[in-house]
Amino acid sequence: MIPGLSHYLIVSALLFSLGLLGVLARRNLVVIYMSLELMLNAANLALVSFSHFNKNLNGQVIVFFIIAVAAAEVAVGLALIVALFRKRQTAHVEDLVSLKL
């Protein structure tokens, strides 16, 4: 059986739902951050699958740039999480009530 567009979209929806569940249910900043990245990759999977089945490379080029921006975002985001952890000695969301360091 050859997987069709609907199969890829179902996997993308499941990944996005799993990421959304991780963002809403977890309290650790690192897990929330990983869940946000999972949601971004689910959207990338949907974009690439639409691009492939429509025989158009524009979506794949856009995904390439999204992944490049996401790599920079990961570097900055993890640096902020590490800085917060060093200052407050916790990575739980409920312990971080103000933006002041």
PDB file of N, CA and C in Angstrom:
ATOM      1  N   MET A   1       0.836  -1.177   0.000  1.00  0.00           N
ATOM      2  CA  MET A   1       0.000   0.000   0.000  1.00  0.00           C
ATOM      3  C   MET A   1       0.883   1.244   0.000  1.00  0.00           C
ATOM      4  N   ILE A   2       0.629   2.139  -0.902  1.00  0.00           N
ATOM      5  CA  ILE A   2       1.384   3.387  -0.995  1.00  0.00           C
ATOM      6  C   ILE A   2       0.678   4.441  -0.150  1.00  0.00           C
ATOM      7  N   PRO A   3       1.400   5.080   0.765  1.00  0.00           N
ATOM      8  CA  PRO A   3       0.751   6.094   1.601  1.00  0.00           C
ATOM      9  C   PRO A   3       0.359   7.317   0.772  1.00  0.00           C
ATOM     10  N   GLY A   4      -0.840   7.788   1.007  1.00  0.00           N
ATOM     11  CA  GLY A   4      -1.342   8.948   0.297  1.00  0.00           C
ATOM     12  C   GLY A   4      -1.252  10.205   1.146  1.00  0.00           C
ATOM     13  N   LEU A   5      -1.795  11.268   0.615  1.00  0.00           N
ATOM     14  CA  LEU A   5      -1.761  12.553   1.308  1.00  0.00           C
ATOM     15  C   LEU A   5      -2.488  12.480   2.645  1.00  0.00           C
ATOM     16  N   SER A   6      -3.594  11.755   2.689  1.00  0.00           N
ATOM     17  CA  SER A   6      -4.354  11.672   3.937  1.00  0.00           C
ATOM     18  C   SER A   6      -3.563  10.991   5.043  1.00  0.00           C
ATOM     19  N   HIS A   7      -2.725  10.024   4.698  1.00  0.00           N
ATOM     20  CA  HIS A   7      -1.907   9.350   5.709  1.00  0.00           C
ATOM     21  C   HIS A   7      -0.915  10.332   6.335  1.00  0.00           C
ATOM     22  N   TYR A   8      -0.272  11.118   5.499  1.00  0.00           N
ATOM     23  CA  TYR A   8       0.682  12.103   6.013  1.00  0.00           C
ATOM     24  C   TYR A   8      -0.009  13.163   6.855  1.00  0.00           C
ATOM     25  N   LEU A   9      -1.193  13.567   6.445  1.00  0.00           N
ATOM     26  CA  LEU A   9      -1.915  14.577   7.212  1.00  0.00           C
ATOM     27  C   LEU A   9      -2.407  14.029   8.546  1.00  0.00           C
ATOM     28  N   ILE A  10      -2.750  12.751   8.582  1.00  0.00           N
ATOM     29  CA  ILE A  10      -3.147  12.140   9.859  1.00  0.00           C
ATOM     30  C   ILE A  10      -1.956  12.083  10.812  1.00  0.00           C
ATOM     31  N   VAL A  11      -0.800  11.696  10.300  1.00  0.00           N
ATOM     32  CA  VAL A  11       0.405  11.673  11.144  1.00  0.00           C
ATOM     33  C   VAL A  11       0.743  13.087  11.613  1.00  0.00           C
ATOM     34  N   SER A  12       0.608  14.056  10.728  1.00  0.00           N
ATOM     35  CA  SER A  12       0.882  15.437  11.099  1.00  0.00           C
ATOM     36  C   SER A  12      -0.087  15.919  12.180  1.00  0.00           C
ATOM     37  N   ALA A  13      -1.357  15.585  12.046  1.00  0.00           N
ATOM     38  CA  ALA A  13      -2.345  15.979  13.051  1.00  0.00           C
ATOM     39  C   ALA A  13      -2.076  15.304  14.389  1.00  0.00           C
ATOM     40  N   LEU A  14      -1.673  14.033  14.349  1.00  0.00           N
ATOM     41  CA  LEU A  14      -1.351  13.336  15.598  1.00  0.00           C
ATOM     42  C   LEU A  14      -0.133  13.957  16.287  1.00  0.00           C
ATOM     43  N   LEU A  15       0.904  14.287  15.502  1.00  0.00           N
ATOM     44  CA  LEU A  15       2.082  14.933  16.078  1.00  0.00           C
ATOM     45  C   LEU A  15       1.738  16.295  16.658  1.00  0.00           C
ATOM     46  N   PHE A  16       0.913  17.058  15.937  1.00  0.00           N
ATOM     47  CA  PHE A  16       0.513  18.368  16.434  1.00  0.00           C
ATOM     48  C   PHE A  16      -0.304  18.238  17.714  1.00  0.00           C
ATOM     49  N   SER A  17      -1.209  17.257  17.758  1.00  0.00           N
ATOM     50  CA  SER A  17      -2.019  17.042  18.962  1.00  0.00           C
ATOM     51  C   SER A  17      -1.160  16.614  20.146  1.00  0.00           C
ATOM     52  N   LEU A  18      -0.183  15.777  19.887  1.00  0.00           N
ATOM     53  CA  LEU A  18       0.726  15.350  20.943  1.00  0.00           C
ATOM     54  C   LEU A  18       1.533  16.534  21.472  1.00  0.00           C
ATOM     55  N   GLY A  19       1.985  17.400  20.581  1.00  0.00           N
ATOM     56  CA  GLY A  19       2.696  18.602  21.007  1.00  0.00           C
ATOM     57  C   GLY A  19       1.810  19.546  21.796  1.00  0.00           C
ATOM     58  N   LEU A  20       0.565  19.712  21.358  1.00  0.00           N
ATOM     59  CA  LEU A  20      -0.372  20.576  22.080  1.00  0.00           C
ATOM     60  C   LEU A  20      -0.668  20.017  23.460  1.00  0.00           C
ATOM     61  N   LEU A  21      -0.811  18.712  23.552  1.00  0.00           N
ATOM     62  CA  LEU A  21      -1.025  18.079  24.854  1.00  0.00           C
ATOM     63  C   LEU A  21       0.171  18.306  25.771  1.00  0.00           C
ATOM     64  N   GLY A  22       1.386  18.217  25.203  1.00  0.00           N
ATOM     65  CA  GLY A  22       2.588  18.465  26.004  1.00  0.00           C
ATOM     66  C   GLY A  22       2.679  19.891  26.487  1.00  0.00           C
ATOM     67  N   VAL A  23       2.258  20.850  25.669  1.00  0.00           N
ATOM     68  CA  VAL A  23       2.294  22.256  26.083  1.00  0.00           C
ATOM     69  C   VAL A  23       1.275  22.513  27.180  1.00  0.00           C
ATOM     70  N   LEU A  24       0.091  21.946  27.050  1.00  0.00           N
ATOM     71  CA  LEU A  24      -0.973  22.225  28.013  1.00  0.00           C
ATOM     72  C   LEU A  24      -0.836  21.441  29.312  1.00  0.00           C
ATOM     73  N   ALA A  25      -0.257  20.252  29.267  1.00  0.00           N
ATOM     74  CA  ALA A  25      -0.250  19.389  30.440  1.00  0.00           C
ATOM     75  C   ALA A  25       1.028  19.469  31.272  1.00  0.00           C
ATOM     76  N   ARG A  26       2.134  19.827  30.674  1.00  0.00           N
ATOM     77  CA  ARG A  26       3.406  19.790  31.392  1.00  0.00           C
ATOM     78  C   ARG A  26       3.717  21.116  32.057  1.00  0.00           C
ATOM     79  N   ARG A  27       4.590  21.070  33.063  1.00  0.00           N
ATOM     80  CA  ARG A  27       4.977  22.259  33.798  1.00  0.00           C
ATOM     81  C   ARG A  27       6.457  22.591  33.654  1.00  0.00           C
ATOM     82  N   ASN A  28       7.224  21.720  33.030  1.00  0.00           N
ATOM     83  CA  ASN A  28       8.655  21.948  32.869  1.00  0.00           C
ATOM     84  C   ASN A  28       8.900  22.724  31.582  1.00  0.00           C
ATOM     85  N   LEU A  29       9.732  23.765  31.657  1.00  0.00           N
ATOM     86  CA  LEU A  29       9.982  24.606  30.491  1.00  0.00           C
ATOM     87  C   LEU A  29      10.622  23.851  29.340  1.00  0.00           C
ATOM     88  N   VAL A  30      11.510  22.932  29.641  1.00  0.00           N
ATOM     89  CA  VAL A  30      12.197  22.189  28.579  1.00  0.00           C
ATOM     90  C   VAL A  30      11.210  21.287  27.841  1.00  0.00           C
ATOM     91  N   VAL A  31      10.317  20.642  28.567  1.00  0.00           N
ATOM     92  CA  VAL A  31       9.320  19.769  27.939  1.00  0.00           C
ATOM     93  C   VAL A  31       8.335  20.599  27.119  1.00  0.00           C
ATOM     94  N   ILE A  32       7.944  21.751  27.625  1.00  0.00           N
ATOM     95  CA  ILE A  32       7.052  22.641  26.872  1.00  0.00           C
ATOM     96  C   ILE A  32       7.736  23.101  25.594  1.00  0.00           C
ATOM     97  N   TYR A  33       9.000  23.420  25.689  1.00  0.00           N
ATOM     98  CA  TYR A  33       9.763  23.873  24.520  1.00  0.00           C
ATOM     99  C   TYR A  33       9.886  22.767  23.475  1.00  0.00           C
ATOM    100  N   MET A  34      10.143  21.546  23.932  1.00  0.00           N
ATOM    101  CA  MET A  34      10.208  20.410  23.001  1.00  0.00           C
ATOM    102  C   MET A  34       8.847  20.152  22.356  1.00  0.00           C
ATOM    103  N   SER A  35       7.776  20.344  23.106  1.00  0.00           N
ATOM    104  CA  SER A  35       6.440  20.164  22.549  1.00  0.00           C
ATOM    105  C   SER A  35       6.132  21.221  21.497  1.00  0.00           C
ATOM    106  N   LEU A  36       6.586  22.448  21.716  1.00  0.00           N
ATOM    107  CA  LEU A  36       6.412  23.489  20.703  1.00  0.00           C
ATOM    108  C   LEU A  36       7.175  23.157  19.433  1.00  0.00           C
ATOM    109  N   GLU A  37       8.357  22.612  19.575  1.00  0.00           N
ATOM    110  CA  GLU A  37       9.129  22.203  18.398  1.00  0.00           C
ATOM    111  C   GLU A  37       8.453  21.039  17.672  1.00  0.00           C
ATOM    112  N   LEU A  38       7.827  20.143  18.416  1.00  0.00           N
ATOM    113  CA  LEU A  38       7.085  19.045  17.804  1.00  0.00           C
ATOM    114  C   LEU A  38       5.911  19.570  16.992  1.00  0.00           C
ATOM    115  N   MET A  39       5.231  20.585  17.511  1.00  0.00           N
ATOM    116  CA  MET A  39       4.135  21.198  16.773  1.00  0.00           C
ATOM    117  C   MET A  39       4.635  21.874  15.494  1.00  0.00           C
ATOM    118  N   LEU A  40       5.778  22.527  15.565  1.00  0.00           N
ATOM    119  CA  LEU A  40       6.361  23.162  14.383  1.00  0.00           C
ATOM    120  C   LEU A  40       6.735  22.113  13.337  1.00  0.00           C
ATOM    121  N   ASN A  41       7.292  21.003  13.767  1.00  0.00           N
ATOM    122  CA  ASN A  41       7.647  19.934  12.824  1.00  0.00           C
ATOM    123  C   ASN A  41       6.413  19.255  12.233  1.00  0.00           C
ATOM    124  N   ALA A  42       5.325  19.199  12.987  1.00  0.00           N
ATOM    125  CA  ALA A  42       4.085  18.658  12.433  1.00  0.00           C
ATOM    126  C   ALA A  42       3.560  19.555  11.312  1.00  0.00           C
ATOM    127  N   ALA A  43       3.647  20.856  11.507  1.00  0.00           N
ATOM    128  CA  ALA A  43       3.236  21.777  10.449  1.00  0.00           C
ATOM    129  C   ALA A  43       4.164  21.654   9.241  1.00  0.00           C
ATOM    130  N   ASN A  44       5.452  21.458   9.480  1.00  0.00           N
ATOM    131  CA  ASN A  44       6.394  21.256   8.373  1.00  0.00           C
ATOM    132  C   ASN A  44       6.064  19.987   7.593  1.00  0.00           C
ATOM    133  N   LEU A  45       5.700  18.924   8.286  1.00  0.00           N
ATOM    134  CA  LEU A  45       5.335  17.677   7.617  1.00  0.00           C
ATOM    135  C   LEU A  45       4.111  17.875   6.725  1.00  0.00           C
ATOM    136  N   ALA A  46       3.122  18.601   7.214  1.00  0.00           N
ATOM    137  CA  ALA A  46       1.936  18.867   6.400  1.00  0.00           C
ATOM    138  C   ALA A  46       2.290  19.700   5.176  1.00  0.00           C
ATOM    139  N   LEU A  47       3.144  20.691   5.355  1.00  0.00           N
ATOM    140  CA  LEU A  47       3.538  21.547   4.236  1.00  0.00           C
ATOM    141  C   LEU A  47       4.327  20.773   3.182  1.00  0.00           C
ATOM    142  N   VAL A  48       5.235  19.919   3.616  1.00  0.00           N
ATOM    143  CA  VAL A  48       6.016  19.113   2.678  1.00  0.00           C
ATOM    144  C   VAL A  48       5.126  18.104   1.962  1.00  0.00           C
ATOM    145  N   SER A  49       4.185  17.516   2.666  1.00  0.00           N
ATOM    146  CA  SER A  49       3.316  16.532   2.012  1.00  0.00           C
ATOM    147  C   SER A  49       2.407  17.200   0.983  1.00  0.00           C
ATOM    148  N   PHE A  50       1.870  18.374   1.296  1.00  0.00           N
ATOM    149  CA  PHE A  50       1.083  19.096   0.295  1.00  0.00           C
ATOM    150  C   PHE A  50       1.942  19.445  -0.910  1.00  0.00           C
ATOM    151  N   SER A  51       3.164  19.875  -0.642  1.00  0.00           N
ATOM    152  CA  SER A  51       4.074  20.249  -1.723  1.00  0.00           C
ATOM    153  C   SER A  51       4.399  19.050  -2.608  1.00  0.00           C
ATOM    154  N   HIS A  52       4.624  17.913  -2.011  1.00  0.00           N
ATOM    155  CA  HIS A  52       4.974  16.712  -2.776  1.00  0.00           C
ATOM    156  C   HIS A  52       3.815  16.237  -3.652  1.00  0.00           C
ATOM    157  N   PHE A  53       2.622  16.200  -3.064  1.00  0.00           N
ATOM    158  CA  PHE A  53       1.491  15.661  -3.817  1.00  0.00           C
ATOM    159  C   PHE A  53       0.938  16.643  -4.846  1.00  0.00           C
ATOM    160  N   ASN A  54       1.291  17.927  -4.727  1.00  0.00           N
ATOM    161  CA  ASN A  54       0.890  18.900  -5.752  1.00  0.00           C
ATOM    162  C   ASN A  54       1.981  19.127  -6.785  1.00  0.00           C
ATOM    163  N   LYS A  55       3.085  18.376  -6.677  1.00  0.00           N
ATOM    164  CA  LYS A  55       4.215  18.474  -7.619  1.00  0.00           C
ATOM    165  C   LYS A  55       4.746  19.904  -7.714  1.00  0.00           C
ATOM    166  N   ASN A  56       4.885  20.532  -6.537  1.00  0.00           N
ATOM    167  CA  ASN A  56       5.358  21.903  -6.459  1.00  0.00           C
ATOM    168  C   ASN A  56       6.425  21.968  -5.376  1.00  0.00           C
ATOM    169  N   LEU A  57       7.572  22.541  -5.685  1.00  0.00           N
ATOM    170  CA  LEU A  57       8.680  22.579  -4.727  1.00  0.00           C
ATOM    171  C   LEU A  57       8.659  23.794  -3.809  1.00  0.00           C
ATOM    172  N   ASN A  58       7.716  24.694  -3.978  1.00  0.00           N
ATOM    173  CA  ASN A  58       7.699  25.904  -3.157  1.00  0.00           C
ATOM    174  C   ASN A  58       7.544  25.592  -1.673  1.00  0.00           C
ATOM    175  N   GLY A  59       6.708  24.647  -1.332  1.00  0.00           N
ATOM    176  CA  GLY A  59       6.508  24.278   0.070  1.00  0.00           C
ATOM    177  C   GLY A  59       7.760  23.696   0.693  1.00  0.00           C
ATOM    178  N   GLN A  60       8.514  22.927  -0.081  1.00  0.00           N
ATOM    179  CA  GLN A  60       9.732  22.325   0.448  1.00  0.00           C
ATOM    180  C   GLN A  60      10.813  23.374   0.672  1.00  0.00           C
ATOM    181  N   VAL A  61      10.849  24.393  -0.169  1.00  0.00           N
ATOM    182  CA  VAL A  61      11.803  25.483   0.020  1.00  0.00           C
ATOM    183  C   VAL A  61      11.440  26.288   1.267  1.00  0.00           C
ATOM    184  N   ILE A  62      10.148  26.518   1.466  1.00  0.00           N
ATOM    185  CA  ILE A  62       9.696  27.237   2.661  1.00  0.00           C
ATOM    186  C   ILE A  62      10.043  26.451   3.916  1.00  0.00           C
ATOM    187  N   VAL A  63       9.876  25.134   3.882  1.00  0.00           N
ATOM    188  CA  VAL A  63      10.209  24.298   5.040  1.00  0.00           C
ATOM    189  C   VAL A  63      11.699  24.369   5.342  1.00  0.00           C
ATOM    190  N   PHE A  64      12.524  24.440   4.308  1.00  0.00           N
ATOM    191  CA  PHE A  64      13.966  24.582   4.526  1.00  0.00           C
ATOM    192  C   PHE A  64      14.270  25.848   5.321  1.00  0.00           C
ATOM    193  N   PHE A  65      13.637  26.945   4.973  1.00  0.00           N
ATOM    194  CA  PHE A  65      13.862  28.194   5.700  1.00  0.00           C
ATOM    195  C   PHE A  65      13.262  28.145   7.107  1.00  0.00           C
ATOM    196  N   ILE A  66      12.134  27.476   7.259  1.00  0.00           N
ATOM    197  CA  ILE A  66      11.530  27.328   8.589  1.00  0.00           C
ATOM    198  C   ILE A  66      12.455  26.535   9.508  1.00  0.00           C
ATOM    199  N   ILE A  67      13.068  25.483   8.986  1.00  0.00           N
ATOM    200  CA  ILE A  67      13.992  24.684   9.801  1.00  0.00           C
ATOM    201  C   ILE A  67      15.223  25.495  10.170  1.00  0.00           C
ATOM    202  N   ALA A  68      15.708  26.330   9.258  1.00  0.00           N
ATOM    203  CA  ALA A  68      16.868  27.175   9.563  1.00  0.00           C
ATOM    204  C   ALA A  68      16.533  28.184  10.659  1.00  0.00           C
ATOM    205  N   VAL A  69      15.360  28.790  10.582  1.00  0.00           N
ATOM    206  CA  VAL A  69      14.940  29.741  11.619  1.00  0.00           C
ATOM    207  C   VAL A  69      14.698  29.010  12.939  1.00  0.00           C
ATOM    208  N   ALA A  70      14.147  27.807  12.886  1.00  0.00           N
ATOM    209  CA  ALA A  70      13.900  27.033  14.102  1.00  0.00           C
ATOM    210  C   ALA A  70      15.202  26.655  14.798  1.00  0.00           C
ATOM    211  N   ALA A  71      16.255  26.403  14.030  1.00  0.00           N
ATOM    212  CA  ALA A  71      17.552  26.090  14.644  1.00  0.00           C
ATOM    213  C   ALA A  71      18.077  27.284  15.424  1.00  0.00           C
ATOM    214  N   ALA A  72      17.938  28.472  14.867  1.00  0.00           N
ATOM    215  CA  ALA A  72      18.349  29.676  15.594  1.00  0.00           C
ATOM    216  C   ALA A  72      17.460  29.900  16.810  1.00  0.00           C
ATOM    217  N   GLU A  73      16.179  29.620  16.669  1.00  0.00           N
ATOM    218  CA  GLU A  73      15.248  29.775  17.776  1.00  0.00           C
ATOM    219  C   GLU A  73      15.587  28.826  18.924  1.00  0.00           C
ATOM    220  N   VAL A  74      15.974  27.614  18.588  1.00  0.00           N
ATOM    221  CA  VAL A  74      16.346  26.636  19.615  1.00  0.00           C
ATOM    222  C   VAL A  74      17.568  27.122  20.390  1.00  0.00           C
ATOM    223  N   ALA A  75      18.531  27.661  19.690  1.00  0.00           N
ATOM    224  CA  ALA A  75      19.736  28.148  20.367  1.00  0.00           C
ATOM    225  C   ALA A  75      19.405  29.278  21.334  1.00  0.00           C
ATOM    226  N   VAL A  76      18.600  30.222  20.908  1.00  0.00           N
ATOM    227  CA  VAL A  76      18.238  31.353  21.764  1.00  0.00           C
ATOM    228  C   VAL A  76      17.322  30.896  22.895  1.00  0.00           C
ATOM    229  N   GLY A  77      16.330  30.072  22.575  1.00  0.00           N
ATOM    230  CA  GLY A  77      15.389  29.610  23.591  1.00  0.00           C
ATOM    231  C   GLY A  77      16.051  28.781  24.676  1.00  0.00           C
ATOM    232  N   LEU A  78      16.920  27.863  24.289  1.00  0.00           N
ATOM    233  CA  LEU A  78      17.614  27.058  25.302  1.00  0.00           C
ATOM    234  C   LEU A  78      18.570  27.903  26.127  1.00  0.00           C
ATOM    235  N   ALA A  79      19.173  28.914  25.522  1.00  0.00           N
ATOM    236  CA  ALA A  79      20.039  29.816  26.293  1.00  0.00           C
ATOM    237  C   ALA A  79      19.221  30.572  27.342  1.00  0.00           C
ATOM    238  N   LEU A  80      18.023  31.008  26.975  1.00  0.00           N
ATOM    239  CA  LEU A  80      17.157  31.680  27.951  1.00  0.00           C
ATOM    240  C   LEU A  80      16.713  30.739  29.062  1.00  0.00           C
ATOM    241  N   ILE A  81      16.388  29.505  28.709  1.00  0.00           N
ATOM    242  CA  ILE A  81      15.967  28.535  29.728  1.00  0.00           C
ATOM    243  C   ILE A  81      17.121  28.219  30.675  1.00  0.00           C
ATOM    244  N   VAL A  82      18.332  28.069  30.144  1.00  0.00           N
ATOM    245  CA  VAL A  82      19.495  27.808  30.992  1.00  0.00           C
ATOM    246  C   VAL A  82      19.771  29.004  31.901  1.00  0.00           C
ATOM    247  N   ALA A  83      19.638  30.218  31.387  1.00  0.00           N
ATOM    248  CA  ALA A  83      19.847  31.412  32.210  1.00  0.00           C
ATOM    249  C   ALA A  83      18.808  31.495  33.328  1.00  0.00           C
ATOM    250  N   LEU A  84      17.552  31.189  33.014  1.00  0.00           N
ATOM    251  CA  LEU A  84      16.518  31.173  34.050  1.00  0.00           C
ATOM    252  C   LEU A  84      16.784  30.093  35.090  1.00  0.00           C
ATOM    253  N   PHE A  85      17.227  28.938  34.634  1.00  0.00           N
ATOM    254  CA  PHE A  85      17.508  27.854  35.576  1.00  0.00           C
ATOM    255  C   PHE A  85      18.668  28.206  36.495  1.00  0.00           C
ATOM    256  N   ARG A  86      19.701  28.830  35.951  1.00  0.00           N
ATOM    257  CA  ARG A  86      20.847  29.207  36.790  1.00  0.00           C
ATOM    258  C   ARG A  86      20.470  30.264  37.818  1.00  0.00           C
ATOM    259  N   LYS A  87      19.585  31.166  37.448  1.00  0.00           N
ATOM    260  CA  LYS A  87      19.193  32.233  38.361  1.00  0.00           C
ATOM    261  C   LYS A  87      18.203  31.751  39.412  1.00  0.00           C
ATOM    262  N   ARG A  88      17.208  30.964  39.007  1.00  0.00           N
ATOM    263  CA  ARG A  88      16.131  30.564  39.919  1.00  0.00           C
ATOM    264  C   ARG A  88      16.253  29.144  40.457  1.00  0.00           C
ATOM    265  N   GLN A  89      17.133  28.328  39.883  1.00  0.00           N
ATOM    266  CA  GLN A  89      17.326  26.924  40.276  1.00  0.00           C
ATOM    267  C   GLN A  89      16.069  26.084  40.086  1.00  0.00           C
ATOM    268  N   THR A  90      15.244  26.467  39.136  1.00  0.00           N
ATOM    269  CA  THR A  90      14.060  25.685  38.803  1.00  0.00           C
ATOM    270  C   THR A  90      13.709  25.906  37.335  1.00  0.00           C
ATOM    271  N   ALA A  91      13.048  24.913  36.753  1.00  0.00           N
ATOM    272  CA  ALA A  91      12.584  25.033  35.374  1.00  0.00           C
ATOM    273  C   ALA A  91      11.078  24.820  35.287  1.00  0.00           C
ATOM    274  N   HIS A  92      10.384  24.908  36.425  1.00  0.00           N
ATOM    275  CA  HIS A  92       8.938  24.738  36.446  1.00  0.00           C
ATOM    276  C   HIS A  92       8.256  26.071  36.206  1.00  0.00           C
ATOM    277  N   VAL A  93       7.200  26.043  35.434  1.00  0.00           N
ATOM    278  CA  VAL A  93       6.525  27.263  35.011  1.00  0.00           C
ATOM    279  C   VAL A  93       5.886  27.985  36.187  1.00  0.00           C
ATOM    280  N   GLU A  94       5.292  27.264  37.106  1.00  0.00           N
ATOM    281  CA  GLU A  94       4.591  27.932  38.217  1.00  0.00           C
ATOM    282  C   GLU A  94       5.563  28.633  39.173  1.00  0.00           C
ATOM    283  N   ASP A  95       6.820  28.281  39.157  1.00  0.00           N
ATOM    284  CA  ASP A  95       7.811  28.957  40.010  1.00  0.00           C
ATOM    285  C   ASP A  95       8.337  30.242  39.385  1.00  0.00           C
ATOM    286  N   LEU A  96       8.100  30.441  38.106  1.00  0.00           N
ATOM    287  CA  LEU A  96       8.566  31.611  37.396  1.00  0.00           C
ATOM    288  C   LEU A  96       7.389  32.556  37.174  1.00  0.00           C
ATOM    289  N   VAL A  97       7.104  33.397  38.163  1.00  0.00           N
ATOM    290  CA  VAL A  97       5.919  34.237  38.094  1.00  0.00           C
ATOM    291  C   VAL A  97       6.213  35.647  37.591  1.00  0.00           C
ATOM    292  N   SER A  98       7.469  36.054  37.601  1.00  0.00           N
ATOM    293  CA  SER A  98       7.794  37.394  37.090  1.00  0.00           C
ATOM    294  C   SER A  98       8.898  37.281  36.062  1.00  0.00           C
ATOM    295  N   LEU A  99       8.999  38.323  35.246  1.00  0.00           N
ATOM    296  CA  LEU A  99      10.023  38.328  34.202  1.00  0.00           C
ATOM    297  C   LEU A  99      11.323  38.930  34.693  1.00  0.00           C
ATOM    298  N   LYS A 100      11.334  39.440  35.920  1.00  0.00           N
ATOM    299  CA  LYS A 100      12.561  40.008  36.465  1.00  0.00           C
ATOM    300  C   LYS A 100      13.517  38.907  36.861  1.00  0.00           C
ATOM    301  N   LEU A 101      14.793  39.113  36.550  1.00  0.00           N
ATOM    302  CA  LEU A 101      15.817  38.151  36.958  1.00  0.00           C
ATOM    303  C   LEU A 101      16.331  38.560  38.296  1.00  0.00           C
TER     304      LEU A 101
END
